[in-house]
Amino acid sequence: MKSRFIALTMALALAASMSTACIGKFALVGKVRKFNLDFNEGRWERELLFFAFYVIPVYPFSGMIDILIINSIEFWTGTNPLSNEPSVTPVASKHFATEDGTQVTMTRKPDDSLAVELVTPEGETRHLDLVRTANGVILMDEHGKELVDSGLRYISPDAAEVL
């Protein structure tokens, strides 16, 4: 009975970690490791505590909680709930071409903005960012200068050249 429970637990852990496709920051394991490192200056004392945390099993349980719960939350929300840092999940990119042959690559960044790269048929490259704000979306150039707001009003005279 005990071996079935262990096998079922391992299968669920594997299925859960594979279903989210998220590596995650493993913030809980990091907090346990930080506690271990801050516990004592001596390396032998730290090693003894490290060994005890595997025997007790603090490290394995914190790792399982990270895999099953915390990293899954990080994947779906984009932020790790313990560290409040952006997800480490690789960002997706979309590639397409416009009617005039301009190649466009849009990449979602960890802060939920979009990095846009435009390559004209002549080979000229422009980098832009679409940034979500409380009032909508702002188009910014590669220097962080605001070009167009979500009302499609030109904020900068340079915007006409980009668009």
N, C-alpha and C. Protein backbone atom coordinates (compact mmCIF):
# COMPACT_ATOMS: atom_id res chain seq x y z
N MET A 1 0.82 -1.19 0.00
CA MET A 1 0.00 0.00 0.00
C MET A 1 0.87 1.26 0.00
N LYS A 2 1.93 1.25 0.83
CA LYS A 2 2.82 2.40 0.92
C LYS A 2 3.55 2.64 -0.40
N SER A 3 3.97 1.58 -1.06
CA SER A 3 4.68 1.73 -2.34
C SER A 3 3.74 2.28 -3.42
N ARG A 4 2.45 1.92 -3.39
CA ARG A 4 1.48 2.47 -4.34
C ARG A 4 1.31 3.97 -4.11
N PHE A 5 1.24 4.36 -2.83
CA PHE A 5 1.10 5.77 -2.50
C PHE A 5 2.30 6.57 -3.00
N ILE A 6 3.50 6.04 -2.80
CA ILE A 6 4.72 6.72 -3.26
C ILE A 6 4.73 6.80 -4.79
N ALA A 7 4.37 5.71 -5.46
CA ALA A 7 4.34 5.70 -6.92
C ALA A 7 3.31 6.70 -7.44
N LEU A 8 2.14 6.74 -6.82
CA LEU A 8 1.09 7.68 -7.23
C LEU A 8 1.55 9.12 -7.01
N THR A 9 2.16 9.39 -5.87
CA THR A 9 2.66 10.73 -5.57
C THR A 9 3.71 11.16 -6.59
N MET A 10 4.63 10.28 -6.91
CA MET A 10 5.66 10.59 -7.90
C MET A 10 5.06 10.82 -9.28
N ALA A 11 4.08 10.00 -9.66
CA ALA A 11 3.42 10.17 -10.95
C ALA A 11 2.69 11.49 -11.03
N LEU A 12 1.99 11.86 -9.94
CA LEU A 12 1.29 13.14 -9.91
C LEU A 12 2.26 14.31 -9.97
N ALA A 13 3.37 14.20 -9.25
CA ALA A 13 4.38 15.26 -9.27
C ALA A 13 4.95 15.43 -10.67
N LEU A 14 5.25 14.33 -11.33
CA LEU A 14 5.78 14.37 -12.68
C LEU A 14 4.76 14.96 -13.65
N ALA A 15 3.51 14.51 -13.55
CA ALA A 15 2.46 15.01 -14.44
C ALA A 15 2.22 16.50 -14.22
N ALA A 16 2.21 16.93 -12.96
CA ALA A 16 1.98 18.34 -12.66
C ALA A 16 3.11 19.21 -13.18
N SER A 17 4.33 18.76 -13.00
CA SER A 17 5.46 19.57 -13.47
C SER A 17 5.52 19.60 -14.99
N MET A 18 5.12 18.53 -15.64
CA MET A 18 5.13 18.50 -17.10
C MET A 18 3.96 19.28 -17.69
N SER A 19 2.86 19.37 -16.97
CA SER A 19 1.68 20.03 -17.53
C SER A 19 1.84 21.54 -17.56
N THR A 20 2.66 22.12 -16.70
CA THR A 20 2.81 23.57 -16.70
C THR A 20 3.97 24.03 -17.58
N ALA A 21 4.88 23.16 -17.90
CA ALA A 21 6.06 23.50 -18.70
C ALA A 21 6.84 24.65 -18.08
N CYS A 22 6.91 24.68 -16.77
CA CYS A 22 7.57 25.77 -16.06
C CYS A 22 8.70 25.23 -15.22
N ILE A 23 9.86 25.79 -15.40
CA ILE A 23 10.99 25.42 -14.58
C ILE A 23 10.86 26.11 -13.23
N GLY A 24 10.58 27.38 -13.24
CA GLY A 24 10.36 28.13 -12.01
C GLY A 24 11.63 28.51 -11.29
N LYS A 25 11.48 29.41 -10.33
CA LYS A 25 12.61 29.91 -9.56
C LYS A 25 12.94 29.05 -8.35
N PHE A 26 12.07 28.13 -7.96
CA PHE A 26 12.25 27.31 -6.77
C PHE A 26 12.56 28.20 -5.57
N ALA A 27 11.68 29.18 -5.35
CA ALA A 27 11.88 30.17 -4.29
C ALA A 27 11.84 29.55 -2.90
N LEU A 28 10.98 28.55 -2.69
CA LEU A 28 10.89 27.92 -1.37
C LEU A 28 12.18 27.17 -1.04
N VAL A 29 12.70 26.41 -1.99
CA VAL A 29 13.97 25.72 -1.79
C VAL A 29 15.08 26.75 -1.56
N GLY A 30 15.01 27.87 -2.27
CA GLY A 30 15.99 28.94 -2.08
C GLY A 30 15.94 29.52 -0.68
N LYS A 31 14.73 29.66 -0.13
CA LYS A 31 14.59 30.18 1.24
C LYS A 31 15.16 29.18 2.26
N VAL A 32 14.92 27.89 2.02
CA VAL A 32 15.48 26.86 2.91
C VAL A 32 17.00 26.88 2.82
N ARG A 33 17.53 26.98 1.60
CA ARG A 33 18.99 27.03 1.41
C ARG A 33 19.58 28.27 2.08
N LYS A 34 18.89 29.43 1.94
CA LYS A 34 19.38 30.66 2.58
C LYS A 34 19.40 30.49 4.10
N PHE A 35 18.35 29.87 4.66
CA PHE A 35 18.33 29.61 6.09
C PHE A 35 19.53 28.75 6.48
N ASN A 36 19.80 27.72 5.69
CA ASN A 36 20.93 26.83 5.96
C ASN A 36 22.25 27.61 5.93
N LEU A 37 22.42 28.47 4.94
CA LEU A 37 23.67 29.22 4.82
C LEU A 37 23.82 30.27 5.92
N ASP A 38 22.71 30.85 6.37
CA ASP A 38 22.76 31.88 7.42
C ASP A 38 22.80 31.28 8.83
N PHE A 39 22.58 29.98 8.94
CA PHE A 39 22.48 29.32 10.24
C PHE A 39 23.75 29.44 11.05
N ASN A 40 24.89 29.24 10.39
CA ASN A 40 26.17 29.24 11.09
C ASN A 40 27.27 29.53 10.09
N GLU A 41 28.34 30.15 10.55
CA GLU A 41 29.48 30.46 9.67
C GLU A 41 30.31 29.22 9.34
N GLY A 42 30.32 28.25 10.23
CA GLY A 42 31.17 27.07 10.02
C GLY A 42 30.63 26.15 8.95
N ARG A 43 31.52 25.70 8.09
CA ARG A 43 31.07 24.83 6.99
C ARG A 43 30.61 23.47 7.47
N TRP A 44 31.18 22.96 8.57
CA TRP A 44 30.77 21.64 9.07
C TRP A 44 29.37 21.71 9.69
N GLU A 45 29.09 22.82 10.38
CA GLU A 45 27.76 22.99 10.95
C GLU A 45 26.70 23.09 9.85
N ARG A 46 27.06 23.87 8.81
CA ARG A 46 26.13 24.00 7.67
C ARG A 46 25.92 22.66 6.99
N GLU A 47 26.99 21.89 6.84
CA GLU A 47 26.87 20.57 6.20
C GLU A 47 26.01 19.64 7.03
N LEU A 48 26.16 19.68 8.34
CA LEU A 48 25.35 18.86 9.23
C LEU A 48 23.86 19.24 9.13
N LEU A 49 23.58 20.54 9.10
CA LEU A 49 22.19 20.99 8.94
C LEU A 49 21.65 20.59 7.57
N PHE A 50 22.46 20.72 6.54
CA PHE A 50 22.07 20.31 5.19
C PHE A 50 21.69 18.83 5.18
N PHE A 51 22.53 18.02 5.76
CA PHE A 51 22.27 16.57 5.84
C PHE A 51 20.98 16.31 6.64
N ALA A 52 20.82 17.01 7.76
CA ALA A 52 19.61 16.83 8.58
C ALA A 52 18.36 17.23 7.80
N PHE A 53 18.45 18.29 6.99
CA PHE A 53 17.29 18.73 6.21
C PHE A 53 16.92 17.72 5.12
N TYR A 54 17.85 16.88 4.71
CA TYR A 54 17.49 15.81 3.77
C TYR A 54 16.94 14.60 4.51
N VAL A 55 17.45 14.32 5.68
CA VAL A 55 16.96 13.18 6.46
C VAL A 55 15.55 13.46 6.99
N ILE A 56 15.30 14.67 7.45
CA ILE A 56 14.01 15.02 8.06
C ILE A 56 12.86 14.98 7.06
N PRO A 57 12.72 15.23 6.00
CA PRO A 57 13.08 15.70 4.67
C PRO A 57 12.56 17.11 4.34
N VAL A 58 13.23 18.13 4.84
CA VAL A 58 12.84 19.51 4.57
C VAL A 58 13.08 19.86 3.10
N TYR A 59 14.27 19.57 2.60
CA TYR A 59 14.57 19.89 1.19
C TYR A 59 13.64 19.16 0.22
N PRO A 60 13.45 17.84 0.33
CA PRO A 60 12.55 17.17 -0.61
C PRO A 60 11.11 17.70 -0.57
N PHE A 61 10.57 17.97 0.62
CA PHE A 61 9.20 18.48 0.69
C PHE A 61 9.09 19.91 0.16
N SER A 62 10.08 20.74 0.45
CA SER A 62 10.02 22.10 -0.09
C SER A 62 10.17 22.07 -1.61
N GLY A 63 10.99 21.15 -2.12
CA GLY A 63 11.09 21.00 -3.58
C GLY A 63 9.79 20.54 -4.20
N MET A 64 9.10 19.60 -3.54
CA MET A 64 7.84 19.11 -4.08
C MET A 64 6.78 20.21 -4.05
N ILE A 65 6.74 21.01 -2.99
CA ILE A 65 5.79 22.12 -2.92
C ILE A 65 6.10 23.14 -4.01
N ASP A 66 7.39 23.40 -4.23
CA ASP A 66 7.78 24.30 -5.33
C ASP A 66 7.29 23.77 -6.67
N ILE A 67 7.54 22.49 -6.95
CA ILE A 67 7.17 21.90 -8.23
C ILE A 67 5.66 21.88 -8.42
N LEU A 68 4.94 21.41 -7.43
CA LEU A 68 3.50 21.20 -7.58
C LEU A 68 2.68 22.48 -7.45
N ILE A 69 3.09 23.40 -6.59
CA ILE A 69 2.22 24.55 -6.31
C ILE A 69 2.85 25.87 -6.74
N ILE A 70 3.97 26.21 -6.13
CA ILE A 70 4.52 27.56 -6.30
C ILE A 70 4.98 27.82 -7.73
N ASN A 71 5.71 26.89 -8.36
CA ASN A 71 6.14 27.09 -9.73
C ASN A 71 4.97 27.08 -10.71
N SER A 72 3.92 26.32 -10.39
CA SER A 72 2.72 26.33 -11.24
C SER A 72 2.04 27.69 -11.17
N ILE A 73 1.94 28.25 -9.95
CA ILE A 73 1.38 29.59 -9.81
C ILE A 73 2.23 30.59 -10.57
N GLU A 74 3.56 30.44 -10.48
CA GLU A 74 4.48 31.33 -11.20
C GLU A 74 4.24 31.25 -12.70
N PHE A 75 4.04 30.04 -13.21
CA PHE A 75 3.81 29.88 -14.65
C PHE A 75 2.53 30.58 -15.09
N TRP A 76 1.43 30.37 -14.35
CA TRP A 76 0.13 30.90 -14.77
C TRP A 76 -0.02 32.38 -14.51
N THR A 77 0.65 32.93 -13.49
CA THR A 77 0.50 34.36 -13.20
C THR A 77 1.65 35.19 -13.75
N GLY A 78 2.79 34.56 -14.03
CA GLY A 78 3.95 35.28 -14.53
C GLY A 78 4.84 35.83 -13.43
N THR A 79 4.45 35.60 -12.16
CA THR A 79 5.23 36.09 -11.02
C THR A 79 5.31 35.01 -9.96
N ASN A 80 6.48 34.82 -9.38
CA ASN A 80 6.63 33.85 -8.30
C ASN A 80 6.00 34.43 -7.04
N PRO A 81 5.05 33.73 -6.39
CA PRO A 81 4.35 34.29 -5.24
C PRO A 81 5.23 34.47 -4.00
N LEU A 82 6.34 33.77 -3.89
CA LEU A 82 7.22 33.94 -2.72
C LEU A 82 8.26 35.04 -2.92
N SER A 83 8.80 35.14 -4.12
CA SER A 83 9.86 36.11 -4.36
C SER A 83 9.36 37.38 -5.03
N ASN A 84 8.13 37.37 -5.55
CA ASN A 84 7.54 38.50 -6.29
C ASN A 84 8.41 38.91 -7.48
N GLU A 85 9.14 37.95 -8.04
CA GLU A 85 9.96 38.21 -9.22
C GLU A 85 9.27 37.65 -10.45
N PRO A 86 9.57 38.20 -11.63
CA PRO A 86 8.96 37.68 -12.85
C PRO A 86 9.35 36.22 -13.11
N SER A 87 8.52 35.54 -13.83
CA SER A 87 8.73 34.13 -14.16
C SER A 87 9.99 33.94 -14.99
N VAL A 88 10.60 32.77 -14.86
CA VAL A 88 11.75 32.43 -15.68
C VAL A 88 11.33 31.67 -16.92
N THR A 89 10.04 31.51 -17.11
CA THR A 89 9.53 30.79 -18.26
C THR A 89 9.98 31.50 -19.53
N PRO A 90 10.53 30.76 -20.50
CA PRO A 90 10.97 31.41 -21.74
C PRO A 90 9.82 32.16 -22.40
N VAL A 91 10.13 33.33 -22.94
CA VAL A 91 9.10 34.13 -23.59
C VAL A 91 8.87 33.64 -25.02
N ALA A 92 7.65 33.78 -25.46
CA ALA A 92 7.30 33.34 -26.81
C ALA A 92 7.50 34.48 -27.79
N SER A 93 7.88 34.14 -29.01
CA SER A 93 8.04 35.13 -30.07
C SER A 93 7.12 34.79 -31.22
N LYS A 94 6.62 35.82 -31.89
CA LYS A 94 5.80 35.66 -33.08
C LYS A 94 6.52 36.36 -34.23
N HIS A 95 6.57 35.67 -35.36
CA HIS A 95 7.22 36.21 -36.55
C HIS A 95 6.19 36.30 -37.67
N PHE A 96 6.21 37.42 -38.40
CA PHE A 96 5.35 37.54 -39.57
C PHE A 96 5.92 38.63 -40.47
N ALA A 97 5.39 38.68 -41.69
CA ALA A 97 5.82 39.69 -42.65
C ALA A 97 4.62 40.53 -43.07
N THR A 98 4.84 41.82 -43.27
CA THR A 98 3.77 42.70 -43.74
C THR A 98 3.69 42.62 -45.25
N GLU A 99 2.70 43.29 -45.84
CA GLU A 99 2.52 43.25 -47.29
C GLU A 99 3.70 43.82 -48.06
N ASP A 100 4.38 44.81 -47.46
CA ASP A 100 5.53 45.41 -48.16
C ASP A 100 6.83 44.63 -47.95
N GLY A 101 6.76 43.49 -47.23
CA GLY A 101 7.93 42.65 -47.03
C GLY A 101 8.70 42.92 -45.74
N THR A 102 8.21 43.84 -44.92
CA THR A 102 8.86 44.10 -43.63
C THR A 102 8.69 42.89 -42.73
N GLN A 103 9.80 42.42 -42.16
CA GLN A 103 9.77 41.29 -41.24
C GLN A 103 9.54 41.83 -39.83
N VAL A 104 8.57 41.25 -39.13
CA VAL A 104 8.23 41.71 -37.79
C VAL A 104 8.41 40.54 -36.82
N THR A 105 9.11 40.81 -35.73
CA THR A 105 9.25 39.83 -34.65
C THR A 105 8.75 40.49 -33.37
N MET A 106 7.76 39.86 -32.73
CA MET A 106 7.23 40.37 -31.47
C MET A 106 7.55 39.35 -30.38
N THR A 107 8.17 39.82 -29.30
CA THR A 107 8.57 38.94 -28.20
C THR A 107 8.00 39.47 -26.90
N ARG A 108 7.29 38.60 -26.17
CA ARG A 108 6.76 38.99 -24.86
C ARG A 108 7.90 38.99 -23.86
N LYS A 109 8.06 40.10 -23.15
CA LYS A 109 9.12 40.23 -22.16
C LYS A 109 8.56 39.88 -20.77
N PRO A 110 9.43 39.56 -19.81
CA PRO A 110 8.96 39.18 -18.48
C PRO A 110 8.08 40.22 -17.79
N ASP A 111 8.26 41.51 -18.12
CA ASP A 111 7.44 42.55 -17.50
C ASP A 111 6.10 42.72 -18.22
N ASP A 112 5.77 41.79 -19.13
CA ASP A 112 4.51 41.74 -19.88
C ASP A 112 4.43 42.80 -20.97
N SER A 113 5.54 43.46 -21.30
CA SER A 113 5.55 44.35 -22.44
C SER A 113 5.95 43.53 -23.67
N LEU A 114 5.83 44.13 -24.85
CA LEU A 114 6.22 43.46 -26.08
C LEU A 114 7.39 44.18 -26.72
N ALA A 115 8.43 43.42 -27.03
CA ALA A 115 9.56 43.96 -27.79
C ALA A 115 9.25 43.68 -29.26
N VAL A 116 9.31 44.71 -30.08
CA VAL A 116 8.98 44.58 -31.50
C VAL A 116 10.23 44.94 -32.31
N GLU A 117 10.60 44.02 -33.20
CA GLU A 117 11.72 44.30 -34.10
C GLU A 117 11.17 44.33 -35.52
N LEU A 118 11.45 45.43 -36.22
CA LEU A 118 11.02 45.60 -37.61
C LEU A 118 12.26 45.60 -38.50
N VAL A 119 12.27 44.76 -39.53
CA VAL A 119 13.36 44.75 -40.50
C VAL A 119 12.74 44.99 -41.87
N THR A 120 13.07 46.15 -42.46
CA THR A 120 12.50 46.51 -43.75
C THR A 120 13.15 45.67 -44.86
N PRO A 121 12.52 45.63 -46.04
CA PRO A 121 13.14 44.90 -47.17
C PRO A 121 14.53 45.43 -47.52
N GLU A 122 14.80 46.70 -47.19
CA GLU A 122 16.12 47.28 -47.46
C GLU A 122 17.13 46.90 -46.39
N GLY A 123 16.69 46.24 -45.31
CA GLY A 123 17.60 45.79 -44.26
C GLY A 123 17.68 46.72 -43.06
N GLU A 124 16.93 47.82 -43.07
CA GLU A 124 16.94 48.73 -41.92
C GLU A 124 16.17 48.09 -40.76
N THR A 125 16.75 48.17 -39.56
CA THR A 125 16.14 47.55 -38.38
C THR A 125 15.72 48.62 -37.39
N ARG A 126 14.52 48.45 -36.83
CA ARG A 126 14.00 49.32 -35.77
C ARG A 126 13.57 48.46 -34.61
N HIS A 127 13.84 48.90 -33.40
CA HIS A 127 13.40 48.21 -32.20
C HIS A 127 12.41 49.10 -31.46
N LEU A 128 11.24 48.55 -31.15
CA LEU A 128 10.20 49.28 -30.45
C LEU A 128 9.69 48.45 -29.28
N ASP A 129 9.04 49.10 -28.34
CA ASP A 129 8.41 48.41 -27.22
C ASP A 129 6.97 48.86 -27.10
N LEU A 130 6.08 47.91 -26.89
CA LEU A 130 4.69 48.21 -26.55
C LEU A 130 4.55 47.94 -25.06
N VAL A 131 4.24 48.99 -24.31
CA VAL A 131 4.20 48.90 -22.86
C VAL A 131 2.78 49.16 -22.38
N ARG A 132 2.27 48.23 -21.58
CA ARG A 132 0.94 48.37 -21.01
C ARG A 132 1.01 49.29 -19.79
N THR A 133 0.11 50.27 -19.75
CA THR A 133 0.02 51.17 -18.61
C THR A 133 -1.40 51.12 -18.06
N ALA A 134 -1.63 51.86 -16.98
CA ALA A 134 -2.97 51.92 -16.40
C ALA A 134 -3.96 52.57 -17.36
N ASN A 135 -3.47 53.44 -18.24
CA ASN A 135 -4.34 54.14 -19.18
C ASN A 135 -4.42 53.49 -20.55
N GLY A 136 -3.69 52.41 -20.78
CA GLY A 136 -3.70 51.75 -22.09
C GLY A 136 -2.33 51.24 -22.46
N VAL A 137 -1.94 51.52 -23.71
CA VAL A 137 -0.67 51.02 -24.24
C VAL A 137 0.10 52.19 -24.82
N ILE A 138 1.43 52.17 -24.66
CA ILE A 138 2.30 53.19 -25.22
C ILE A 138 3.33 52.52 -26.10
N LEU A 139 3.58 53.10 -27.27
CA LEU A 139 4.63 52.64 -28.17
C LEU A 139 5.86 53.49 -27.89
N MET A 140 6.98 52.82 -27.62
CA MET A 140 8.22 53.52 -27.30
C MET A 140 9.31 53.09 -28.26
N ASP A 141 10.23 54.02 -28.56
CA ASP A 141 11.36 53.66 -29.42
C ASP A 141 12.45 52.98 -28.60
N GLU A 142 13.57 52.65 -29.27
CA GLU A 142 14.64 51.90 -28.61
C GLU A 142 15.33 52.70 -27.50
N HIS A 143 15.09 54.00 -27.44
CA HIS A 143 15.69 54.84 -26.41
C HIS A 143 14.73 55.11 -25.26
N GLY A 144 13.55 54.52 -25.31
CA GLY A 144 12.55 54.72 -24.26
C GLY A 144 11.68 55.94 -24.45
N LYS A 145 11.79 56.58 -25.61
CA LYS A 145 10.99 57.78 -25.89
C LYS A 145 9.59 57.35 -26.33
N GLU A 146 8.57 57.93 -25.71
CA GLU A 146 7.19 57.60 -26.04
C GLU A 146 6.84 58.18 -27.40
N LEU A 147 6.28 57.34 -28.27
CA LEU A 147 5.93 57.78 -29.61
C LEU A 147 4.43 57.94 -29.80
N VAL A 148 3.66 56.91 -29.39
CA VAL A 148 2.21 56.92 -29.60
C VAL A 148 1.55 56.34 -28.37
N ASP A 149 0.42 56.95 -27.95
CA ASP A 149 -0.32 56.37 -26.83
C ASP A 149 -1.47 55.54 -27.36
N SER A 150 -2.23 54.91 -26.46
CA SER A 150 -3.28 53.97 -26.86
C SER A 150 -4.43 54.64 -27.59
N GLY A 151 -4.54 55.97 -27.50
CA GLY A 151 -5.55 56.69 -28.27
C GLY A 151 -5.08 56.95 -29.69
N LEU A 152 -3.92 56.38 -30.05
CA LEU A 152 -3.27 56.54 -31.35
C LEU A 152 -3.00 58.01 -31.66
N ARG A 153 -2.65 58.76 -30.64
CA ARG A 153 -2.24 60.14 -30.82
C ARG A 153 -0.72 60.16 -30.85
N TYR A 154 -0.18 60.90 -31.78
CA TYR A 154 1.27 61.04 -31.83
C TYR A 154 1.73 61.86 -30.65
N ILE A 155 2.63 61.32 -29.86
CA ILE A 155 3.21 62.06 -28.74
C ILE A 155 4.48 62.74 -29.23
N SER A 156 5.14 62.11 -30.18
CA SER A 156 6.42 62.61 -30.68
C SER A 156 6.35 62.75 -32.19
N PRO A 157 6.97 63.78 -32.75
CA PRO A 157 7.03 63.91 -34.21
C PRO A 157 7.74 62.75 -34.88
N ASP A 158 8.62 62.05 -34.11
CA ASP A 158 9.36 60.91 -34.65
C ASP A 158 8.44 59.72 -34.95
N ALA A 159 7.27 59.71 -34.37
CA ALA A 159 6.36 58.57 -34.52
C ALA A 159 5.94 58.38 -35.97
N ALA A 160 5.77 59.45 -36.70
CA ALA A 160 5.35 59.34 -38.10
C ALA A 160 6.37 58.56 -38.93
N GLU A 161 7.66 58.75 -38.61
CA GLU A 161 8.72 58.03 -39.33
C GLU A 161 8.67 56.53 -39.02
N VAL A 162 8.41 56.18 -37.76
CA VAL A 162 8.40 54.77 -37.35
C VAL A 162 7.22 54.06 -37.97
N LEU A 163 6.05 54.70 -37.92
CA LEU A 163 4.84 54.07 -38.41
C LEU A 163 4.69 54.25 -39.88
